[in-house]
Amino acid sequence: MSAPDELVIDALIKAIVAYNNTPNWDAARAVVEARREILLTSSADVIYEILIVAEGDKVVARKLGARRVVLGLCRAVGIEAAFRRAKERFGDVL
């Protein structure tokens, strides 16, 4: 793997960790807005798929799945609409 590839993977992992560690949807939205060029990619979706399959804790897997759904919604309907739907569907607390 070349140095640029490693930098991209590192940035992707850091963005996913930052998004996953947010305490509420407003904070999550801020991370997505700041890192949309990384988080709204097919690469991020593949990483989420791997994380969900590998996760042994069903509660954590569901939370990862919810965050993945929101990123998919961001790609489909835009960030603002996606987070509005997330709050309606999942409530305020992650």
PDB file of N, CA and C in Angstrom:
ATOM      1  N   MET A   1       0.851  -1.174   0.000  1.00  0.00           N
ATOM      2  CA  MET A   1       0.000   0.000   0.000  1.00  0.00           C
ATOM      3  C   MET A   1       0.894   1.233   0.000  1.00  0.00           C
ATOM      4  N   SER A   2       0.547   2.214  -0.818  1.00  0.00           N
ATOM      5  CA  SER A   2       1.352   3.422  -0.912  1.00  0.00           C
ATOM      6  C   SER A   2       0.983   4.402   0.198  1.00  0.00           C
ATOM      7  N   ALA A   3       1.828   5.373   0.408  1.00  0.00           N
ATOM      8  CA  ALA A   3       1.602   6.377   1.456  1.00  0.00           C
ATOM      9  C   ALA A   3       0.286   7.134   1.255  1.00  0.00           C
ATOM     10  N   PRO A   4      -0.070   7.549   0.023  1.00  0.00           N
ATOM     11  CA  PRO A   4      -1.370   8.223  -0.145  1.00  0.00           C
ATOM     12  C   PRO A   4      -2.556   7.340   0.239  1.00  0.00           C
ATOM     13  N   ASP A   5      -2.485   6.047  -0.109  1.00  0.00           N
ATOM     14  CA  ASP A   5      -3.555   5.117   0.266  1.00  0.00           C
ATOM     15  C   ASP A   5      -3.680   5.024   1.783  1.00  0.00           C
ATOM     16  N   GLU A   6      -2.549   4.946   2.454  1.00  0.00           N
ATOM     17  CA  GLU A   6      -2.552   4.871   3.916  1.00  0.00           C
ATOM     18  C   GLU A   6      -3.149   6.135   4.523  1.00  0.00           C
ATOM     19  N   LEU A   7      -2.854   7.284   3.936  1.00  0.00           N
ATOM     20  CA  LEU A   7      -3.413   8.546   4.434  1.00  0.00           C
ATOM     21  C   LEU A   7      -4.924   8.588   4.277  1.00  0.00           C
ATOM     22  N   VAL A   8      -5.418   8.078   3.150  1.00  0.00           N
ATOM     23  CA  VAL A   8      -6.865   8.036   2.908  1.00  0.00           C
ATOM     24  C   VAL A   8      -7.538   7.101   3.908  1.00  0.00           C
ATOM     25  N   ILE A   9      -6.966   5.932   4.112  1.00  0.00           N
ATOM     26  CA  ILE A   9      -7.530   4.982   5.067  1.00  0.00           C
ATOM     27  C   ILE A   9      -7.501   5.560   6.476  1.00  0.00           C
ATOM     28  N   ASP A  10      -6.405   6.197   6.836  1.00  0.00           N
ATOM     29  CA  ASP A  10      -6.301   6.820   8.159  1.00  0.00           C
ATOM     30  C   ASP A  10      -7.369   7.895   8.337  1.00  0.00           C
ATOM     31  N   ALA A  11      -7.554   8.732   7.334  1.00  0.00           N
ATOM     32  CA  ALA A  11      -8.572   9.786   7.411  1.00  0.00           C
ATOM     33  C   ALA A  11      -9.969   9.189   7.516  1.00  0.00           C
ATOM     34  N   LEU A  12     -10.233   8.118   6.785  1.00  0.00           N
ATOM     35  CA  LEU A  12     -11.532   7.451   6.827  1.00  0.00           C
ATOM     36  C   LEU A  12     -11.801   6.873   8.211  1.00  0.00           C
ATOM     37  N   ILE A  13     -10.825   6.197   8.770  1.00  0.00           N
ATOM     38  CA  ILE A  13     -10.993   5.611  10.103  1.00  0.00           C
ATOM     39  C   ILE A  13     -11.204   6.700  11.148  1.00  0.00           C
ATOM     40  N   LYS A  14     -10.425   7.770  11.077  1.00  0.00           N
ATOM     41  CA  LYS A  14     -10.589   8.869  12.040  1.00  0.00           C
ATOM     42  C   LYS A  14     -11.966   9.513  11.919  1.00  0.00           C
ATOM     43  N   ALA A  15     -12.462   9.668  10.703  1.00  0.00           N
ATOM     44  CA  ALA A  15     -13.788  10.265  10.502  1.00  0.00           C
ATOM     45  C   ALA A  15     -14.879   9.358  11.060  1.00  0.00           C
ATOM     46  N   ILE A  16     -14.766   8.060  10.841  1.00  0.00           N
ATOM     47  CA  ILE A  16     -15.765   7.111  11.352  1.00  0.00           C
ATOM     48  C   ILE A  16     -15.740   7.091  12.875  1.00  0.00           C
ATOM     49  N   VAL A  17     -14.555   7.084  13.462  1.00  0.00           N
ATOM     50  CA  VAL A  17     -14.449   7.107  14.927  1.00  0.00           C
ATOM     51  C   VAL A  17     -15.067   8.385  15.483  1.00  0.00           C
ATOM     52  N   ALA A  18     -14.770   9.514  14.865  1.00  0.00           N
ATOM     53  CA  ALA A  18     -15.338  10.787  15.334  1.00  0.00           C
ATOM     54  C   ALA A  18     -16.864  10.764  15.248  1.00  0.00           C
ATOM     55  N   TYR A  19     -17.398  10.271  14.157  1.00  0.00           N
ATOM     56  CA  TYR A  19     -18.853  10.177  13.971  1.00  0.00           C
ATOM     57  C   TYR A  19     -19.479   9.218  14.976  1.00  0.00           C
ATOM     58  N   ASN A  20     -18.847   8.070  15.177  1.00  0.00           N
ATOM     59  CA  ASN A  20     -19.381   7.081  16.114  1.00  0.00           C
ATOM     60  C   ASN A  20     -19.338   7.553  17.566  1.00  0.00           C
ATOM     61  N   ASN A  21     -18.418   8.420  17.893  1.00  0.00           N
ATOM     62  CA  ASN A  21     -18.255   8.864  19.274  1.00  0.00           C
ATOM     63  C   ASN A  21     -19.092  10.089  19.637  1.00  0.00           C
ATOM     64  N   THR A  22     -19.926  10.548  18.733  1.00  0.00           N
ATOM     65  CA  THR A  22     -20.762  11.704  19.054  1.00  0.00           C
ATOM     66  C   THR A  22     -21.894  11.301  20.002  1.00  0.00           C
ATOM     67  N   PRO A  23     -22.243  12.198  20.946  1.00  0.00           N
ATOM     68  CA  PRO A  23     -23.252  11.859  21.953  1.00  0.00           C
ATOM     69  C   PRO A  23     -24.697  12.054  21.499  1.00  0.00           C
ATOM     70  N   ASN A  24     -24.894  12.808  20.406  1.00  0.00           N
ATOM     71  CA  ASN A  24     -26.259  13.074  19.946  1.00  0.00           C
ATOM     72  C   ASN A  24     -26.233  13.379  18.451  1.00  0.00           C
ATOM     73  N   TRP A  25     -27.426  13.476  17.878  1.00  0.00           N
ATOM     74  CA  TRP A  25     -27.519  13.674  16.432  1.00  0.00           C
ATOM     75  C   TRP A  25     -26.989  15.022  15.983  1.00  0.00           C
ATOM     76  N   ASP A  26     -27.112  16.058  16.813  1.00  0.00           N
ATOM     77  CA  ASP A  26     -26.574  17.367  16.421  1.00  0.00           C
ATOM     78  C   ASP A  26     -25.059  17.306  16.273  1.00  0.00           C
ATOM     79  N   ALA A  27     -24.402  16.656  17.214  1.00  0.00           N
ATOM     80  CA  ALA A  27     -22.947  16.504  17.131  1.00  0.00           C
ATOM     81  C   ALA A  27     -22.567  15.612  15.953  1.00  0.00           C
ATOM     82  N   ALA A  28     -23.347  14.560  15.731  1.00  0.00           N
ATOM     83  CA  ALA A  28     -23.081  13.666  14.603  1.00  0.00           C
ATOM     84  C   ALA A  28     -23.209  14.427  13.285  1.00  0.00           C
ATOM     85  N   ARG A  29     -24.228  15.259  13.201  1.00  0.00           N
ATOM     86  CA  ARG A  29     -24.422  16.052  11.981  1.00  0.00           C
ATOM     87  C   ARG A  29     -23.236  16.968  11.743  1.00  0.00           C
ATOM     88  N   ALA A  30     -22.720  17.580  12.800  1.00  0.00           N
ATOM     89  CA  ALA A  30     -21.569  18.473  12.657  1.00  0.00           C
ATOM     90  C   ALA A  30     -20.358  17.719  12.102  1.00  0.00           C
ATOM     91  N   VAL A  31     -20.152  16.489  12.567  1.00  0.00           N
ATOM     92  CA  VAL A  31     -19.039  15.679  12.057  1.00  0.00           C
ATOM     93  C   VAL A  31     -19.268  15.348  10.582  1.00  0.00           C
ATOM     94  N   VAL A  32     -20.477  14.960  10.231  1.00  0.00           N
ATOM     95  CA  VAL A  32     -20.766  14.626   8.831  1.00  0.00           C
ATOM     96  C   VAL A  32     -20.580  15.850   7.940  1.00  0.00           C
ATOM     97  N   GLU A  33     -21.053  17.000   8.389  1.00  0.00           N
ATOM     98  CA  GLU A  33     -20.882  18.210   7.582  1.00  0.00           C
ATOM     99  C   GLU A  33     -19.405  18.550   7.391  1.00  0.00           C
ATOM    100  N   ALA A  34     -18.608  18.359   8.436  1.00  0.00           N
ATOM    101  CA  ALA A  34     -17.188  18.688   8.356  1.00  0.00           C
ATOM    102  C   ALA A  34     -16.393  17.671   7.537  1.00  0.00           C
ATOM    103  N   ARG A  35     -16.871  16.418   7.512  1.00  0.00           N
ATOM    104  CA  ARG A  35     -16.111  15.352   6.848  1.00  0.00           C
ATOM    105  C   ARG A  35     -16.935  14.620   5.792  1.00  0.00           C
ATOM    106  N   ARG A  36     -17.843  15.327   5.177  1.00  0.00           N
ATOM    107  CA  ARG A  36     -18.746  14.721   4.192  1.00  0.00           C
ATOM    108  C   ARG A  36     -18.005  14.051   3.043  1.00  0.00           C
ATOM    109  N   GLU A  37     -16.873  14.625   2.626  1.00  0.00           N
ATOM    110  CA  GLU A  37     -16.140  14.052   1.494  1.00  0.00           C
ATOM    111  C   GLU A  37     -15.569  12.674   1.815  1.00  0.00           C
ATOM    112  N   ILE A  38     -15.476  12.345   3.091  1.00  0.00           N
ATOM    113  CA  ILE A  38     -14.978  11.029   3.511  1.00  0.00           C
ATOM    114  C   ILE A  38     -16.135  10.117   3.922  1.00  0.00           C
ATOM    115  N   LEU A  39     -17.037  10.641   4.751  1.00  0.00           N
ATOM    116  CA  LEU A  39     -18.095   9.809   5.339  1.00  0.00           C
ATOM    117  C   LEU A  39     -19.203   9.435   4.361  1.00  0.00           C
ATOM    118  N   LEU A  40     -19.392  10.225   3.324  1.00  0.00           N
ATOM    119  CA  LEU A  40     -20.481   9.942   2.390  1.00  0.00           C
ATOM    120  C   LEU A  40     -19.981   9.219   1.144  1.00  0.00           C
ATOM    121  N   THR A  41     -19.018   8.334   1.356  1.00  0.00           N
ATOM    122  CA  THR A  41     -18.445   7.563   0.250  1.00  0.00           C
ATOM    123  C   THR A  41     -18.829   6.090   0.363  1.00  0.00           C
ATOM    124  N   SER A  42     -18.668   5.398  -0.731  1.00  0.00           N
ATOM    125  CA  SER A  42     -18.909   3.956  -0.699  1.00  0.00           C
ATOM    126  C   SER A  42     -17.884   3.255   0.187  1.00  0.00           C
ATOM    127  N   SER A  43     -16.692   3.809   0.296  1.00  0.00           N
ATOM    128  CA  SER A  43     -15.666   3.222   1.169  1.00  0.00           C
ATOM    129  C   SER A  43     -16.110   3.241   2.625  1.00  0.00           C
ATOM    130  N   ALA A  44     -16.697   4.343   3.061  1.00  0.00           N
ATOM    131  CA  ALA A  44     -17.205   4.421   4.438  1.00  0.00           C
ATOM    132  C   ALA A  44     -18.322   3.400   4.640  1.00  0.00           C
ATOM    133  N   ASP A  45     -19.179   3.243   3.643  1.00  0.00           N
ATOM    134  CA  ASP A  45     -20.264   2.274   3.749  1.00  0.00           C
ATOM    135  C   ASP A  45     -19.723   0.852   3.890  1.00  0.00           C
ATOM    136  N   VAL A  46     -18.682   0.533   3.136  1.00  0.00           N
ATOM    137  CA  VAL A  46     -18.072  -0.797   3.233  1.00  0.00           C
ATOM    138  C   VAL A  46     -17.466  -1.008   4.620  1.00  0.00           C
ATOM    139  N   ILE A  47     -16.813   0.001   5.157  1.00  0.00           N
ATOM    140  CA  ILE A  47     -16.239  -0.114   6.506  1.00  0.00           C
ATOM    141  C   ILE A  47     -17.357  -0.372   7.520  1.00  0.00           C
ATOM    142  N   TYR A  48     -18.473   0.335   7.398  1.00  0.00           N
ATOM    143  CA  TYR A  48     -19.597   0.094   8.307  1.00  0.00           C
ATOM    144  C   TYR A  48     -20.126  -1.328   8.173  1.00  0.00           C
ATOM    145  N   GLU A  49     -20.224  -1.824   6.963  1.00  0.00           N
ATOM    146  CA  GLU A  49     -20.692  -3.193   6.757  1.00  0.00           C
ATOM    147  C   GLU A  49     -19.772  -4.187   7.481  1.00  0.00           C
ATOM    148  N   ILE A  50     -18.476  -3.978   7.360  1.00  0.00           N
ATOM    149  CA  ILE A  50     -17.503  -4.851   8.025  1.00  0.00           C
ATOM    150  C   ILE A  50     -17.630  -4.741   9.543  1.00  0.00           C
ATOM    151  N   LEU A  51     -17.742  -3.519  10.047  1.00  0.00           N
ATOM    152  CA  LEU A  51     -17.859  -3.321  11.498  1.00  0.00           C
ATOM    153  C   LEU A  51     -19.106  -4.002  12.055  1.00  0.00           C
ATOM    154  N   ILE A  52     -20.206  -3.870  11.354  1.00  0.00           N
ATOM    155  CA  ILE A  52     -21.473  -4.448  11.826  1.00  0.00           C
ATOM    156  C   ILE A  52     -21.394  -5.969  11.851  1.00  0.00           C
ATOM    157  N   VAL A  53     -20.862  -6.555  10.791  1.00  0.00           N
ATOM    158  CA  VAL A  53     -20.746  -8.015  10.722  1.00  0.00           C
ATOM    159  C   VAL A  53     -19.794  -8.534  11.798  1.00  0.00           C
ATOM    160  N   ALA A  54     -18.714  -7.811  12.047  1.00  0.00           N
ATOM    161  CA  ALA A  54     -17.700  -8.264  12.993  1.00  0.00           C
ATOM    162  C   ALA A  54     -18.093  -8.028  14.454  1.00  0.00           C
ATOM    163  N   GLU A  55     -19.052  -7.144  14.694  1.00  0.00           N
ATOM    164  CA  GLU A  55     -19.431  -6.779  16.065  1.00  0.00           C
ATOM    165  C   GLU A  55     -20.188  -7.920  16.733  1.00  0.00           C
ATOM    166  N   GLY A  56     -19.696  -8.369  17.872  1.00  0.00           N
ATOM    167  CA  GLY A  56     -20.335  -9.446  18.617  1.00  0.00           C
ATOM    168  C   GLY A  56     -21.481  -8.987  19.489  1.00  0.00           C
ATOM    169  N   ASP A  57     -21.495  -7.729  19.864  1.00  0.00           N
ATOM    170  CA  ASP A  57     -22.540  -7.164  20.727  1.00  0.00           C
ATOM    171  C   ASP A  57     -23.674  -6.653  19.833  1.00  0.00           C
ATOM    172  N   LYS A  58     -24.856  -7.256  19.957  1.00  0.00           N
ATOM    173  CA  LYS A  58     -25.977  -6.898  19.089  1.00  0.00           C
ATOM    174  C   LYS A  58     -26.435  -5.456  19.275  1.00  0.00           C
ATOM    175  N   VAL A  59     -26.331  -4.938  20.490  1.00  0.00           N
ATOM    176  CA  VAL A  59     -26.726  -3.548  20.748  1.00  0.00           C
ATOM    177  C   VAL A  59     -25.787  -2.601  19.999  1.00  0.00           C
ATOM    178  N   VAL A  60     -24.502  -2.862  20.090  1.00  0.00           N
ATOM    179  CA  VAL A  60     -23.526  -2.027  19.387  1.00  0.00           C
ATOM    180  C   VAL A  60     -23.713  -2.160  17.872  1.00  0.00           C
ATOM    181  N   ALA A  61     -23.956  -3.364  17.400  1.00  0.00           N
ATOM    182  CA  ALA A  61     -24.183  -3.577  15.967  1.00  0.00           C
ATOM    183  C   ALA A  61     -25.394  -2.788  15.483  1.00  0.00           C
ATOM    184  N   ARG A  62     -26.462  -2.751  16.294  1.00  0.00           N
ATOM    185  CA  ARG A  62     -27.656  -1.964  15.926  1.00  0.00           C
ATOM    186  C   ARG A  62     -27.331  -0.480  15.861  1.00  0.00           C
ATOM    187  N   LYS A  63     -26.531   0.002  16.812  1.00  0.00           N
ATOM    188  CA  LYS A  63     -26.153   1.421  16.797  1.00  0.00           C
ATOM    189  C   LYS A  63     -25.307   1.747  15.569  1.00  0.00           C
ATOM    190  N   LEU A  64     -24.382   0.869  15.248  1.00  0.00           N
ATOM    191  CA  LEU A  64     -23.580   1.068  14.040  1.00  0.00           C
ATOM    192  C   LEU A  64     -24.481   1.056  12.806  1.00  0.00           C
ATOM    193  N   GLY A  65     -25.439   0.159  12.791  1.00  0.00           N
ATOM    194  CA  GLY A  65     -26.383   0.083  11.680  1.00  0.00           C
ATOM    195  C   GLY A  65     -27.196   1.353  11.528  1.00  0.00           C
ATOM    196  N   ALA A  66     -27.632   1.919  12.650  1.00  0.00           N
ATOM    197  CA  ALA A  66     -28.394   3.168  12.608  1.00  0.00           C
ATOM    198  C   ALA A  66     -27.546   4.293  12.030  1.00  0.00           C
ATOM    199  N   ARG A  67     -26.303   4.352  12.440  1.00  0.00           N
ATOM    200  CA  ARG A  67     -25.417   5.399  11.912  1.00  0.00           C
ATOM    201  C   ARG A  67     -25.150   5.192  10.423  1.00  0.00           C
ATOM    202  N   ARG A  68     -25.037   3.943  10.015  1.00  0.00           N
ATOM    203  CA  ARG A  68     -24.845   3.647   8.596  1.00  0.00           C
ATOM    204  C   ARG A  68     -26.071   4.075   7.789  1.00  0.00           C
ATOM    205  N   VAL A  69     -27.252   3.790   8.316  1.00  0.00           N
ATOM    206  CA  VAL A  69     -28.494   4.201   7.649  1.00  0.00           C
ATOM    207  C   VAL A  69     -28.523   5.711   7.463  1.00  0.00           C
ATOM    208  N   VAL A  70     -28.131   6.434   8.492  1.00  0.00           N
ATOM    209  CA  VAL A  70     -28.148   7.900   8.410  1.00  0.00           C
ATOM    210  C   VAL A  70     -27.176   8.383   7.339  1.00  0.00           C
ATOM    211  N   LEU A  71     -26.006   7.786   7.258  1.00  0.00           N
ATOM    212  CA  LEU A  71     -25.073   8.192   6.203  1.00  0.00           C
ATOM    213  C   LEU A  71     -25.654   7.896   4.824  1.00  0.00           C
ATOM    214  N   GLY A  72     -26.344   6.778   4.682  1.00  0.00           N
ATOM    215  CA  GLY A  72     -27.013   6.468   3.414  1.00  0.00           C
ATOM    216  C   GLY A  72     -28.091   7.485   3.087  1.00  0.00           C
ATOM    217  N   LEU A  73     -28.841   7.875   4.115  1.00  0.00           N
ATOM    218  CA  LEU A  73     -29.855   8.919   3.914  1.00  0.00           C
ATOM    219  C   LEU A  73     -29.217  10.240   3.513  1.00  0.00           C
ATOM    220  N   CYS A  74     -28.076  10.564   4.100  1.00  0.00           N
ATOM    221  CA  CYS A  74     -27.372  11.799   3.739  1.00  0.00           C
ATOM    222  C   CYS A  74     -27.032  11.794   2.246  1.00  0.00           C
ATOM    223  N   ARG A  75     -26.588  10.651   1.761  1.00  0.00           N
ATOM    224  CA  ARG A  75     -26.269  10.554   0.330  1.00  0.00           C
ATOM    225  C   ARG A  75     -27.528  10.680  -0.522  1.00  0.00           C
ATOM    226  N   ALA A  76     -28.644  10.141  -0.024  1.00  0.00           N
ATOM    227  CA  ALA A  76     -29.876  10.098  -0.818  1.00  0.00           C
ATOM    228  C   ALA A  76     -30.675  11.396  -0.779  1.00  0.00           C
ATOM    229  N   VAL A  77     -30.818  11.988   0.412  1.00  0.00           N
ATOM    230  CA  VAL A  77     -31.726  13.135   0.549  1.00  0.00           C
ATOM    231  C   VAL A  77     -31.051  14.396   1.083  1.00  0.00           C
ATOM    232  N   GLY A  78     -29.771  14.311   1.379  1.00  0.00           N
ATOM    233  CA  GLY A  78     -29.058  15.462   1.919  1.00  0.00           C
ATOM    234  C   GLY A  78     -28.910  15.363   3.431  1.00  0.00           C
ATOM    235  N   ILE A  79     -27.933  16.079   3.945  1.00  0.00           N
ATOM    236  CA  ILE A  79     -27.588  15.995   5.363  1.00  0.00           C
ATOM    237  C   ILE A  79     -28.712  16.504   6.254  1.00  0.00           C
ATOM    238  N   GLU A  80     -29.252  17.653   5.955  1.00  0.00           N
ATOM    239  CA  GLU A  80     -30.296  18.236   6.811  1.00  0.00           C
ATOM    240  C   GLU A  80     -31.507  17.309   6.916  1.00  0.00           C
ATOM    241  N   ALA A  81     -32.017  16.855   5.789  1.00  0.00           N
ATOM    242  CA  ALA A  81     -33.196  15.973   5.797  1.00  0.00           C
ATOM    243  C   ALA A  81     -32.891  14.649   6.485  1.00  0.00           C
ATOM    244  N   ALA A  82     -31.704  14.117   6.270  1.00  0.00           N
ATOM    245  CA  ALA A  82     -31.335  12.832   6.874  1.00  0.00           C
ATOM    246  C   ALA A  82     -31.315  12.928   8.401  1.00  0.00           C
ATOM    247  N   PHE A  83     -30.754  13.978   8.925  1.00  0.00           N
ATOM    248  CA  PHE A  83     -30.678  14.096  10.377  1.00  0.00           C
ATOM    249  C   PHE A  83     -32.030  14.442  10.996  1.00  0.00           C
ATOM    250  N   ARG A  84     -32.854  15.128  10.258  1.00  0.00           N
ATOM    251  CA  ARG A  84     -34.217  15.353  10.738  1.00  0.00           C
ATOM    252  C   ARG A  84     -34.940  14.009  10.865  1.00  0.00           C
ATOM    253  N   ARG A  85     -34.808  13.167   9.864  1.00  0.00           N
ATOM    254  CA  ARG A  85     -35.422  11.830   9.907  1.00  0.00           C
ATOM    255  C   ARG A  85     -34.818  10.972  11.020  1.00  0.00           C
ATOM    256  N   ALA A  86     -33.512  11.081  11.224  1.00  0.00           N
ATOM    257  CA  ALA A  86     -32.853  10.296  12.278  1.00  0.00           C
ATOM    258  C   ALA A  86     -33.412  10.651  13.645  1.00  0.00           C
ATOM    259  N   LYS A  87     -33.582  11.932  13.895  1.00  0.00           N
ATOM    260  CA  LYS A  87     -34.144  12.361  15.190  1.00  0.00           C
ATOM    261  C   LYS A  87     -35.562  11.835  15.363  1.00  0.00           C
ATOM    262  N   GLU A  88     -36.347  11.884  14.291  1.00  0.00           N
ATOM    263  CA  GLU A  88     -37.724  11.393  14.365  1.00  0.00           C
ATOM    264  C   GLU A  88     -37.760   9.886  14.614  1.00  0.00           C
ATOM    265  N   ARG A  89     -36.886   9.158  13.950  1.00  0.00           N
ATOM    266  CA  ARG A  89     -36.896   7.695  14.030  1.00  0.00           C
ATOM    267  C   ARG A  89     -36.233   7.148  15.294  1.00  0.00           C
ATOM    268  N   PHE A  90     -35.082   7.728  15.651  1.00  0.00           N
ATOM    269  CA  PHE A  90     -34.274   7.172  16.722  1.00  0.00           C
ATOM    270  C   PHE A  90     -34.293   7.995  18.011  1.00  0.00           C
ATOM    271  N   GLY A  91     -34.879   9.196  17.989  1.00  0.00           N
ATOM    272  CA  GLY A  91     -34.836  10.055  19.172  1.00  0.00           C
ATOM    273  C   GLY A  91     -33.553  10.860  19.194  1.00  0.00           C
ATOM    274  N   ASP A  92     -33.373  11.644  20.250  1.00  0.00           N
ATOM    275  CA  ASP A  92     -32.224  12.537  20.333  1.00  0.00           C
ATOM    276  C   ASP A  92     -30.941  11.874  20.782  1.00  0.00           C
ATOM    277  N   VAL A  93     -31.039  10.868  21.598  1.00  0.00           N
ATOM    278  CA  VAL A  93     -29.857  10.255  22.188  1.00  0.00           C
ATOM    279  C   VAL A  93     -29.416   9.062  21.356  1.00  0.00           C
ATOM    280  N   LEU A  94     -28.127   8.961  21.132  1.00  0.00           N
ATOM    281  CA  LEU A  94     -27.590   7.836  20.367  1.00  0.00           C
ATOM    282  C   LEU A  94     -27.264   6.667  21.262  1.00  0.00           C
TER     283      LEU A  94
END
